[in-house]
Amino acid sequence: MQRLVDSARIYRIDIPFTRDEIVRAMVELVRHNGVWPCYIRPIVSTRVRRSRRQPVQLPHRSLYLQLPWGKYLGADASEGVDVCISSWTRIAPNTLPAMAKSGANYMNSQLIKMEAIVNGYAEGIALDVNGYVSEGSGENLFVVRNGVLHTAPLGNSVLPGITRDSGAADRARPRHQDRRAADSTGVALHCRRSFSSPAPAAEITPIRSVDKITVGKGKLGSMTKSLQAEFYGIVRGEKADRYDWLTPVPVGAKQPVGV
């Protein structure tokens, strides 16, 4: 929820609720609907009315959407997906704030995703205005090179991701931010979306090819496999939640929704 709060601050929207209040509202939404696995999208909107002297911000409106959700990049994505370099460039830092989860920013992502799907790829990778790797349409990008994990810095028009941050939780694994992250021998997509579900969508997905060029051996690599095992072990409750990531949700349904 910190992403929501930070984004609202960037757009000068005052949210009259605490983080804990927002979390409780989402937990109640899932409990009431009994739908899981699911994706929750909190939306905060406001309007600005111009007066004679200065703009006046009208009261904000909050909306919480809960959608049934499966694998974001396909049922077998955990073994690897094929992606392309998009012809669409990620929004430049001085056009719209890339670090904010703004609805306007998602139109850029939609163009990247639609182009990739039409051309037969699972996802598109966007470059920034300077030609450096930025991110996927809905994911942060990591590269494994010589046993070291690299990711693009936030200055490359990157939206900070929850899974991106969780990759740094295990300090035993080297992790560097590098503008030249495209020079790689192994790549993995880390989905930046948050899910209230023990079966997250594309949270950690290996890339087996970029523009039909095989990455590494064209299959799940050892480091990505290790990260998957650790990440999913925690979010599914199979391993101890030593980072305090999880929020219990009392779901009434006995079985998950089929996807």
Protein backbone atom coordinates (compact mmCIF):
# COMPACT_ATOMS: atom_id res chain seq x y z
CA MET A 1 0.00 0.00 0.00
CA GLN A 2 2.99 2.26 0.34
CA ARG A 3 3.05 2.49 -3.48
CA LEU A 4 -0.51 3.87 -3.44
CA VAL A 5 0.35 6.42 -0.77
CA ASP A 6 3.53 7.52 -2.55
CA SER A 7 1.72 7.84 -5.90
CA ALA A 8 -1.02 9.94 -4.33
CA ARG A 9 1.59 12.22 -2.79
CA ILE A 10 3.28 12.73 -6.18
CA TYR A 11 -0.06 13.79 -7.67
CA ARG A 12 -0.88 15.97 -4.63
CA ILE A 13 -3.84 13.83 -3.58
CA ASP A 14 -4.52 13.72 0.15
CA ILE A 15 -5.86 10.30 1.18
CA PRO A 16 -7.85 10.58 4.43
CA PHE A 17 -7.12 6.96 5.37
CA THR A 18 -4.13 5.31 6.99
CA ARG A 19 -2.27 2.41 5.42
CA ASP A 20 -3.79 0.01 7.95
CA GLU A 21 -7.30 1.24 7.17
CA ILE A 22 -6.79 0.64 3.46
CA VAL A 23 -5.42 -2.86 4.11
CA ARG A 24 -8.41 -3.70 6.34
CA ALA A 25 -10.79 -2.54 3.61
CA MET A 26 -9.14 -4.85 1.07
CA VAL A 27 -9.13 -7.80 3.47
CA GLU A 28 -12.83 -7.26 4.08
CA LEU A 29 -13.46 -7.09 0.33
CA VAL A 30 -11.83 -10.48 -0.24
CA ARG A 31 -13.54 -11.99 2.80
CA HIS A 32 -16.94 -10.80 1.67
CA ASN A 33 -16.59 -11.89 -1.98
CA GLY A 34 -14.83 -15.17 -1.23
CA VAL A 35 -12.94 -15.02 -4.54
CA TRP A 36 -9.34 -16.20 -4.81
CA PRO A 37 -6.78 -16.23 -6.33
CA CYS A 38 -7.49 -12.61 -7.11
CA TYR A 39 -6.02 -9.28 -8.05
CA ILE A 40 -6.95 -6.19 -6.06
CA ARG A 41 -6.63 -2.77 -7.61
CA PRO A 42 -7.17 0.20 -5.28
CA ILE A 43 -8.04 3.34 -7.22
CA VAL A 44 -7.95 6.87 -5.84
CA SER A 45 -9.16 9.72 -8.02
CA THR A 46 -9.69 13.45 -7.68
CA ARG A 47 -10.66 16.42 -9.80
CA VAL A 48 -9.22 19.92 -9.93
CA ARG A 49 -11.50 22.94 -10.37
CA ARG A 50 -9.99 26.26 -11.30
CA SER A 51 -11.01 29.29 -9.28
CA ARG A 52 -10.12 32.87 -10.07
CA ARG A 53 -6.94 32.77 -8.04
CA GLN A 54 -5.76 29.15 -7.92
CA PRO A 55 -6.78 25.55 -8.69
CA VAL A 56 -9.00 23.94 -6.06
CA GLN A 57 -8.73 20.19 -5.50
CA LEU A 58 -12.11 18.58 -4.97
CA PRO A 59 -12.61 15.71 -2.47
CA HIS A 60 -11.03 12.43 -3.54
CA ARG A 61 -12.89 9.22 -4.34
CA SER A 62 -11.69 5.70 -3.51
CA LEU A 63 -12.59 2.47 -5.29
CA TYR A 64 -11.36 -1.08 -4.70
CA LEU A 65 -11.65 -3.64 -7.49
CA GLN A 66 -11.27 -7.38 -6.96
CA LEU A 67 -10.81 -9.56 -10.04
CA PRO A 68 -10.38 -13.35 -10.36
CA TRP A 69 -6.78 -13.90 -11.46
CA GLY A 70 -4.59 -16.63 -12.86
CA LYS A 71 -1.15 -16.69 -14.44
CA TYR A 72 -0.46 -13.26 -15.93
CA LEU A 73 1.88 -14.51 -18.67
CA GLY A 74 0.31 -17.91 -19.28
CA ALA A 75 -0.25 -21.19 -17.43
CA ASP A 76 3.26 -22.53 -18.18
CA ALA A 77 5.08 -19.20 -17.82
CA SER A 78 7.08 -20.39 -14.81
CA GLU A 79 9.26 -22.42 -17.22
CA GLY A 80 9.98 -19.47 -19.51
CA VAL A 81 8.34 -17.01 -21.92
CA ASP A 82 9.23 -15.40 -25.24
CA VAL A 83 9.38 -11.60 -25.29
CA CYS A 84 10.26 -8.80 -27.68
CA ILE A 85 11.80 -5.34 -27.51
CA SER A 86 8.88 -2.97 -27.96
CA SER A 87 8.81 -0.22 -30.55
CA TRP A 88 7.09 1.87 -27.89
CA THR A 89 9.42 3.80 -25.57
CA ARG A 90 8.74 4.07 -21.85
CA ILE A 91 7.47 7.52 -20.89
CA ALA A 92 10.24 10.03 -20.30
CA PRO A 93 10.77 11.26 -16.70
CA ASN A 94 9.82 14.84 -17.63
CA THR A 95 6.50 13.86 -19.25
CA LEU A 96 4.70 11.86 -16.57
CA PRO A 97 6.14 10.61 -13.25
CA ALA A 98 7.09 7.00 -14.02
CA MET A 99 7.45 6.21 -10.31
CA ALA A 100 3.73 6.83 -9.72
CA LYS A 101 1.07 4.15 -10.24
CA SER A 102 -1.06 6.46 -12.34
CA GLY A 103 -3.86 5.35 -14.64
CA ALA A 104 -2.42 7.54 -17.40
CA ASN A 105 0.89 5.66 -17.25
CA TYR A 106 -0.87 2.37 -17.88
CA MET A 107 -1.87 3.47 -21.38
CA ASN A 108 1.82 3.36 -22.28
CA SER A 109 1.95 -0.16 -20.84
CA GLN A 110 -1.15 -1.20 -22.79
CA LEU A 111 0.46 -0.20 -26.10
CA ILE A 112 3.57 -2.24 -25.24
CA LYS A 113 1.50 -5.28 -24.25
CA MET A 114 -0.86 -5.16 -27.24
CA GLU A 115 2.01 -4.92 -29.70
CA ALA A 116 3.73 -7.92 -28.11
CA ILE A 117 0.58 -10.07 -28.16
CA VAL A 118 -0.25 -9.20 -31.79
CA ASN A 119 3.27 -10.24 -32.82
CA GLY A 120 3.08 -13.57 -30.96
CA TYR A 121 5.05 -12.74 -27.81
CA ALA A 122 4.03 -13.08 -24.18
CA GLU A 123 5.37 -9.67 -23.22
CA GLY A 124 7.22 -6.61 -24.47
CA ILE A 125 10.30 -4.96 -22.99
CA ALA A 126 10.37 -1.18 -23.18
CA LEU A 127 13.51 0.94 -23.48
CA ASP A 128 13.74 4.37 -21.89
CA VAL A 129 14.13 7.64 -23.78
CA ASN A 130 17.93 7.13 -23.81
CA GLY A 131 17.70 3.62 -25.27
CA TYR A 132 18.48 1.76 -22.05
CA VAL A 133 16.39 -1.15 -20.76
CA SER A 134 13.50 0.08 -18.61
CA GLU A 135 10.89 -2.63 -17.83
CA GLY A 136 8.11 -4.80 -19.21
CA SER A 137 4.55 -3.57 -19.64
CA GLY A 138 3.73 -4.78 -16.14
CA GLU A 139 6.98 -6.09 -14.68
CA ASN A 140 10.41 -5.08 -13.53
CA LEU A 141 13.32 -6.68 -15.35
CA PHE A 142 16.27 -8.57 -13.88
CA VAL A 143 19.36 -9.94 -15.60
CA VAL A 144 21.64 -12.73 -14.36
CA ARG A 145 25.22 -12.25 -15.54
CA ASN A 146 28.16 -14.23 -14.17
CA GLY A 147 26.14 -15.17 -11.13
CA VAL A 148 25.22 -11.57 -10.30
CA LEU A 149 21.66 -10.22 -10.38
CA HIS A 150 21.26 -6.87 -12.18
CA THR A 151 18.24 -4.61 -12.56
CA ALA A 152 17.61 -1.26 -14.20
CA PRO A 153 17.80 1.79 -11.89
CA LEU A 154 14.70 3.84 -11.15
CA GLY A 155 16.13 6.62 -13.33
CA ASN A 156 15.39 4.47 -16.41
CA SER A 157 11.67 5.37 -16.10
CA VAL A 158 11.04 2.35 -13.88
CA LEU A 159 8.03 1.89 -11.63
CA PRO A 160 9.30 0.48 -8.31
CA GLY A 161 7.87 -2.99 -7.73
CA ILE A 162 7.03 -5.00 -4.64
CA THR A 163 8.69 -8.12 -6.04
CA ARG A 164 11.63 -5.99 -7.19
CA ASP A 165 12.13 -4.96 -3.59
CA SER A 166 11.61 -8.48 -2.26
CA GLY A 167 14.47 -9.67 -4.47
CA ALA A 168 16.77 -7.56 -2.29
CA ALA A 169 15.45 -9.08 0.92
CA ASP A 170 17.95 -11.92 0.78
CA ARG A 171 21.23 -10.03 1.16
CA ALA A 172 23.24 -13.15 0.36
CA ARG A 173 22.47 -12.70 -3.34
CA PRO A 174 24.38 -9.93 -5.16
CA ARG A 175 22.05 -7.38 -6.73
CA HIS A 176 23.18 -4.35 -8.73
CA GLN A 177 21.37 -1.56 -10.51
CA ASP A 178 22.95 -1.06 -13.91
CA ARG A 179 21.88 1.09 -16.86
CA ARG A 180 23.46 -1.49 -19.18
CA ALA A 181 21.41 -4.40 -17.85
CA ALA A 182 20.53 -5.47 -21.41
CA ASP A 183 24.04 -6.93 -21.82
CA SER A 184 23.07 -10.28 -20.34
CA THR A 185 23.33 -14.05 -20.34
CA GLY A 186 20.12 -14.68 -18.41
CA VAL A 187 16.94 -12.74 -17.86
CA ALA A 188 13.95 -12.97 -15.55
CA LEU A 189 10.79 -10.91 -15.30
CA HIS A 190 9.69 -9.97 -11.82
CA CYS A 191 6.07 -8.87 -11.79
CA ARG A 192 5.58 -5.57 -9.98
CA ARG A 193 1.94 -6.14 -9.13
CA SER A 194 0.76 -7.20 -5.68
CA PHE A 195 -1.66 -10.12 -5.25
CA SER A 196 -3.70 -11.21 -2.28
CA SER A 197 -3.38 -14.82 -3.28
CA PRO A 198 -1.26 -17.91 -2.61
CA ALA A 199 -1.00 -18.36 -6.38
CA PRO A 200 0.44 -15.07 -7.68
CA ALA A 201 0.40 -14.28 -11.40
CA ALA A 202 3.77 -13.66 -13.03
CA GLU A 203 5.69 -12.90 -9.86
CA ILE A 204 8.99 -14.45 -11.01
CA THR A 205 9.03 -15.57 -14.63
CA PRO A 206 12.12 -16.57 -16.65
CA ILE A 207 12.61 -15.24 -20.19
CA ARG A 208 13.77 -17.89 -22.66
CA SER A 209 14.10 -15.64 -25.71
CA VAL A 210 14.17 -11.96 -26.71
CA ASP A 211 13.18 -11.17 -30.31
CA LYS A 212 13.54 -14.89 -31.09
CA ILE A 213 17.14 -14.90 -29.82
CA THR A 214 17.62 -17.57 -27.15
CA VAL A 215 18.64 -16.31 -23.72
CA GLY A 216 21.23 -18.52 -22.03
CA LYS A 217 20.17 -22.13 -22.56
CA GLY A 218 16.60 -21.12 -23.34
CA LYS A 219 15.18 -22.53 -20.14
CA LEU A 220 14.76 -21.86 -16.44
CA GLY A 221 18.15 -20.99 -14.93
CA SER A 222 19.48 -22.01 -11.54
CA MET A 223 19.31 -18.58 -9.88
CA THR A 224 15.78 -17.87 -11.13
CA LYS A 225 14.73 -21.34 -10.00
CA SER A 226 16.18 -20.67 -6.57
CA LEU A 227 14.42 -17.29 -6.35
CA GLN A 228 11.14 -18.87 -7.42
CA ALA A 229 11.41 -21.58 -4.76
CA GLU A 230 12.17 -19.05 -2.02
CA PHE A 231 9.55 -16.52 -3.09
CA TYR A 232 6.68 -18.93 -3.67
CA GLY A 233 7.58 -20.89 -0.55
CA ILE A 234 6.93 -17.78 1.52
CA VAL A 235 3.84 -16.44 -0.26
CA ARG A 236 2.17 -19.87 -0.25
CA GLY A 237 2.85 -20.37 3.44
CA GLU A 238 5.24 -23.29 2.88
CA LYS A 239 8.13 -21.38 4.45
CA ALA A 240 8.34 -19.02 7.39
CA ASP A 241 7.34 -15.43 6.60
CA ARG A 242 10.59 -14.04 7.99
CA TYR A 243 10.16 -10.69 6.19
CA ASP A 244 6.62 -10.07 7.48
CA TRP A 245 5.21 -9.92 3.94
CA LEU A 246 1.88 -11.64 4.45
CA THR A 247 -1.50 -10.39 5.64
CA PRO A 248 -3.98 -13.15 6.63
CA VAL A 249 -7.24 -13.03 4.67
CA PRO A 250 -10.24 -15.05 5.98
CA VAL A 251 -11.67 -16.39 2.71
CA GLY A 252 -15.09 -18.02 3.03
CA ALA A 253 -14.87 -20.16 -0.13
CA LYS A 254 -13.60 -23.71 0.42
CA GLN A 255 -12.05 -23.98 -3.04
CA PRO A 256 -10.18 -21.43 -5.19
CA VAL A 257 -11.84 -20.06 -8.30
CA GLY A 258 -10.94 -22.00 -11.44
CA VAL A 259 -8.82 -20.04 -13.93
